[in-house]
């Protein structure tokens, strides 16, 4: 589904290239969390795009794999999917302002080289990265459901594309977000995005 989101914005893209790319990465991994993190992130194959964080291509899975650059959630999706291919249950953790991955109660940061945080390191790291000063609610460390991950990808794209105010990608975004019943309250907002077409 994440591959289809990117393909919707760049017509002519074959979502199958994402599956092949993930298969190729998985072939280079041992069946351990550490190997997945090192192969994808510690090696530098996939990196957090700190220079152009708001570029929408950071949210398109085919572009993430082709360019080796992404944002926390798309890098996290890569870890989840490669882990699944090698029998390692990697799950996403959607914290406010940042996205991490977890396996067997260990938490790692794909955006920062796949670093595994010790329990006492996590809160200060999260506060430093996000600028949030409130204590980290440990209840937020529960794995995030797949549907919520997809919605979060679309939320990131919404923040970027609404600021860009480009009518073509906004039309695609309205169609994708309109497919989720829980976003029905956005219909008036979608109409404002599509004012260019009225």
Protein backbone atom coordinates (compact mmCIF):
# COMPACT_ATOMS: atom_id res chain seq x y z
CA UNK A 1 0.00 0.00 0.00
CA UNK A 2 2.82 2.42 0.76
CA UNK A 3 4.28 1.69 -2.69
CA UNK A 4 0.90 2.45 -4.27
CA UNK A 5 0.77 5.83 -2.54
CA UNK A 6 4.00 6.88 -4.22
CA UNK A 7 2.91 5.48 -7.57
CA UNK A 8 -0.32 7.49 -7.38
CA UNK A 9 1.69 10.71 -7.30
CA UNK A 10 4.10 9.68 -10.06
CA UNK A 11 2.05 7.94 -12.78
CA UNK A 12 3.95 5.35 -14.76
CA UNK A 13 5.78 4.14 -11.68
CA UNK A 14 5.68 0.38 -11.26
CA UNK A 15 4.97 -0.39 -7.57
CA UNK A 16 6.56 -3.77 -8.18
CA UNK A 17 9.98 -2.10 -8.24
CA UNK A 18 9.51 -1.40 -4.52
CA UNK A 19 8.83 -5.07 -3.80
CA UNK A 20 11.86 -6.11 -5.84
CA UNK A 21 14.04 -3.54 -4.08
CA UNK A 22 12.92 -4.74 -0.65
CA UNK A 23 13.51 -8.36 -1.71
CA UNK A 24 17.04 -7.43 -2.79
CA UNK A 25 17.79 -5.75 0.54
CA UNK A 26 16.40 -8.73 2.43
CA UNK A 27 18.70 -11.08 0.56
CA UNK A 28 21.63 -9.26 2.13
CA UNK A 29 20.35 -9.56 5.70
CA UNK A 30 20.79 -12.17 8.36
CA UNK A 31 17.59 -12.99 10.27
CA UNK A 32 18.32 -10.61 13.16
CA UNK A 33 17.15 -7.12 14.06
CA UNK A 34 20.74 -5.91 14.19
CA UNK A 35 21.45 -7.19 10.69
CA UNK A 36 18.36 -5.49 9.26
CA UNK A 37 19.35 -2.20 10.89
CA UNK A 38 22.97 -2.42 9.78
CA UNK A 39 22.23 -3.53 6.21
CA UNK A 40 19.68 -0.79 5.63
CA UNK A 41 20.88 2.11 7.76
CA UNK A 42 24.25 1.47 9.39
CA UNK A 43 25.72 0.82 5.96
CA UNK A 44 24.42 4.13 4.64
CA UNK A 45 22.29 2.47 1.95
CA UNK A 46 19.23 4.28 3.30
CA UNK A 47 19.61 7.60 5.08
CA UNK A 48 17.50 10.25 6.67
CA UNK A 49 17.13 13.23 4.37
CA UNK A 50 18.29 15.98 6.71
CA UNK A 51 18.97 18.45 3.86
CA UNK A 52 15.56 18.37 2.14
CA UNK A 53 13.26 16.83 4.74
CA UNK A 54 10.06 18.29 3.30
CA UNK A 55 10.59 16.94 -0.22
CA UNK A 56 7.51 14.82 -1.07
CA UNK A 57 9.76 12.22 -2.71
CA UNK A 58 10.84 11.25 0.81
CA UNK A 59 7.32 9.79 1.19
CA UNK A 60 7.28 7.83 -2.09
CA UNK A 61 8.66 4.37 -1.47
CA UNK A 62 10.07 3.91 -4.98
CA UNK A 63 11.96 7.18 -4.62
CA UNK A 64 13.22 6.28 -1.15
CA UNK A 65 14.74 3.07 -2.46
CA UNK A 66 16.09 4.65 -5.65
CA UNK A 67 17.62 7.70 -3.95
CA UNK A 68 18.50 6.11 -0.63
CA UNK A 69 16.83 9.01 1.18
CA UNK A 70 13.69 9.16 3.28
CA UNK A 71 11.95 10.41 6.37
CA UNK A 72 11.55 8.42 9.57
CA UNK A 73 8.29 6.71 8.60
CA UNK A 74 9.31 5.58 5.10
CA UNK A 75 12.67 4.34 6.38
CA UNK A 76 10.73 2.56 9.12
CA UNK A 77 8.48 0.92 6.53
CA UNK A 78 11.59 -0.39 4.78
CA UNK A 79 12.79 -1.95 8.03
CA UNK A 80 9.37 -3.48 8.73
CA UNK A 81 9.11 -5.01 5.26
CA UNK A 82 12.69 -6.27 5.08
CA UNK A 83 12.29 -7.72 8.56
CA UNK A 84 9.14 -9.54 7.46
CA UNK A 85 11.03 -11.07 4.55
CA UNK A 86 13.75 -12.50 6.80
CA UNK A 87 11.48 -13.60 9.63
CA UNK A 88 12.23 -10.73 12.02
CA UNK A 89 9.14 -9.05 13.47
CA UNK A 90 9.93 -5.37 13.17
CA UNK A 91 7.06 -3.08 14.15
CA UNK A 92 6.58 0.65 13.81
CA UNK A 93 6.35 3.02 16.78
CA UNK A 94 4.63 6.28 15.94
CA UNK A 95 5.74 8.78 18.56
CA UNK A 96 4.65 12.43 18.36
CA UNK A 97 7.03 14.09 15.92
CA UNK A 98 9.13 11.01 15.19
CA UNK A 99 8.80 7.43 13.96
CA UNK A 100 10.87 4.54 15.31
CA UNK A 101 10.89 0.76 14.97
CA UNK A 102 10.88 -1.97 17.61
CA UNK A 103 11.69 -5.66 17.87
CA UNK A 104 11.67 -7.72 21.06
CA UNK A 105 11.33 -4.59 23.21
CA UNK A 106 14.34 -2.91 21.61
CA UNK A 107 13.73 0.41 19.91
CA UNK A 108 15.76 1.76 17.01
CA UNK A 109 15.86 4.93 14.94
CA UNK A 110 16.07 4.37 11.16
CA UNK A 111 16.43 8.10 10.49
CA UNK A 112 19.58 8.25 12.61
CA UNK A 113 21.55 5.34 11.20
CA UNK A 114 19.46 2.58 12.80
CA UNK A 115 20.70 3.39 16.28
CA UNK A 116 19.26 1.20 19.02
CA UNK A 117 18.33 3.25 22.08
CA UNK A 118 18.92 1.99 25.57
CA UNK A 119 15.85 2.48 27.80
CA UNK A 120 17.34 5.54 29.50
CA UNK A 121 18.41 7.09 26.18
CA UNK A 122 15.05 7.08 24.43
CA UNK A 123 13.28 9.98 26.13
CA UNK A 124 16.18 12.44 25.93
CA UNK A 125 16.79 11.48 22.29
CA UNK A 126 13.12 11.97 21.42
CA UNK A 127 13.05 15.34 23.20
CA UNK A 128 16.22 16.45 21.40
CA UNK A 129 14.94 15.37 17.97
CA UNK A 130 11.44 16.82 18.29
CA UNK A 131 12.03 19.78 20.57
CA UNK A 132 9.21 18.51 22.80
CA UNK A 133 10.03 19.02 26.47
CA UNK A 134 7.21 17.09 28.12
CA UNK A 135 7.97 13.60 29.45
CA UNK A 136 7.52 10.77 26.99
CA UNK A 137 4.32 8.83 27.62
CA UNK A 138 5.51 5.20 27.69
CA UNK A 139 2.08 4.11 26.48
CA UNK A 140 3.03 5.57 23.10
CA UNK A 141 5.73 2.92 22.67
CA UNK A 142 3.16 0.30 21.67
CA UNK A 143 3.46 -0.87 18.04
CA UNK A 144 1.49 1.19 15.55
CA UNK A 145 -1.17 -0.51 13.42
CA UNK A 146 -0.48 -0.76 9.67
CA UNK A 147 -3.49 1.41 8.79
CA UNK A 148 -2.26 4.12 11.14
CA UNK A 149 1.15 4.02 9.46
CA UNK A 150 -0.43 4.58 6.05
CA UNK A 151 -2.50 7.46 7.41
CA UNK A 152 0.62 8.99 8.90
CA UNK A 153 2.35 8.83 5.50
CA UNK A 154 -0.63 10.68 4.05
CA UNK A 155 -0.51 13.19 6.93
CA UNK A 156 3.13 13.96 6.15
CA UNK A 157 2.23 14.45 2.50
CA UNK A 158 -0.68 16.68 3.48
CA UNK A 159 1.62 18.96 5.48
CA UNK A 160 4.08 19.19 2.58
CA UNK A 161 1.69 19.46 -0.37
CA UNK A 162 -0.75 21.94 1.17
CA UNK A 163 2.22 24.24 1.84
CA UNK A 164 3.36 23.83 -1.79
CA UNK A 165 -0.21 24.50 -3.07
CA UNK A 166 0.45 22.61 -6.32
CA UNK A 167 -2.95 21.58 -7.75
CA UNK A 168 -1.86 18.33 -9.42
CA UNK A 169 -0.52 16.49 -6.33
CA UNK A 170 -3.29 17.99 -4.19
CA UNK A 171 -5.85 16.38 -6.48
CA UNK A 172 -4.16 13.01 -5.94
CA UNK A 173 -3.92 13.60 -2.20
CA UNK A 174 -7.63 14.43 -1.95
CA UNK A 175 -8.49 11.20 -3.76
CA UNK A 176 -6.25 9.08 -1.51
CA UNK A 177 -7.38 10.67 1.74
CA UNK A 178 -10.98 10.48 0.61
CA UNK A 179 -10.66 6.68 0.49
CA UNK A 180 -10.36 6.53 4.29
CA UNK A 181 -13.76 6.80 6.02
CA UNK A 182 -12.13 8.20 9.15
CA UNK A 183 -11.10 11.27 7.13
CA UNK A 184 -14.62 12.12 5.89
CA UNK A 185 -14.55 15.30 7.96
CA UNK A 186 -11.91 16.66 5.56
CA UNK A 187 -14.24 16.93 2.56
CA UNK A 188 -14.56 20.71 2.82
CA UNK A 189 -10.79 21.00 3.11
CA UNK A 190 -10.33 18.85 0.00
CA UNK A 191 -12.67 21.19 -1.88
CA UNK A 192 -10.41 24.12 -0.96
CA UNK A 193 -7.39 22.22 -2.27
CA UNK A 194 -9.21 21.61 -5.55
CA UNK A 195 -10.38 25.20 -6.03
CA UNK A 196 -7.98 25.39 -8.99
CA UNK A 197 -10.19 22.91 -10.85
CA UNK A 198 -13.53 24.65 -10.18
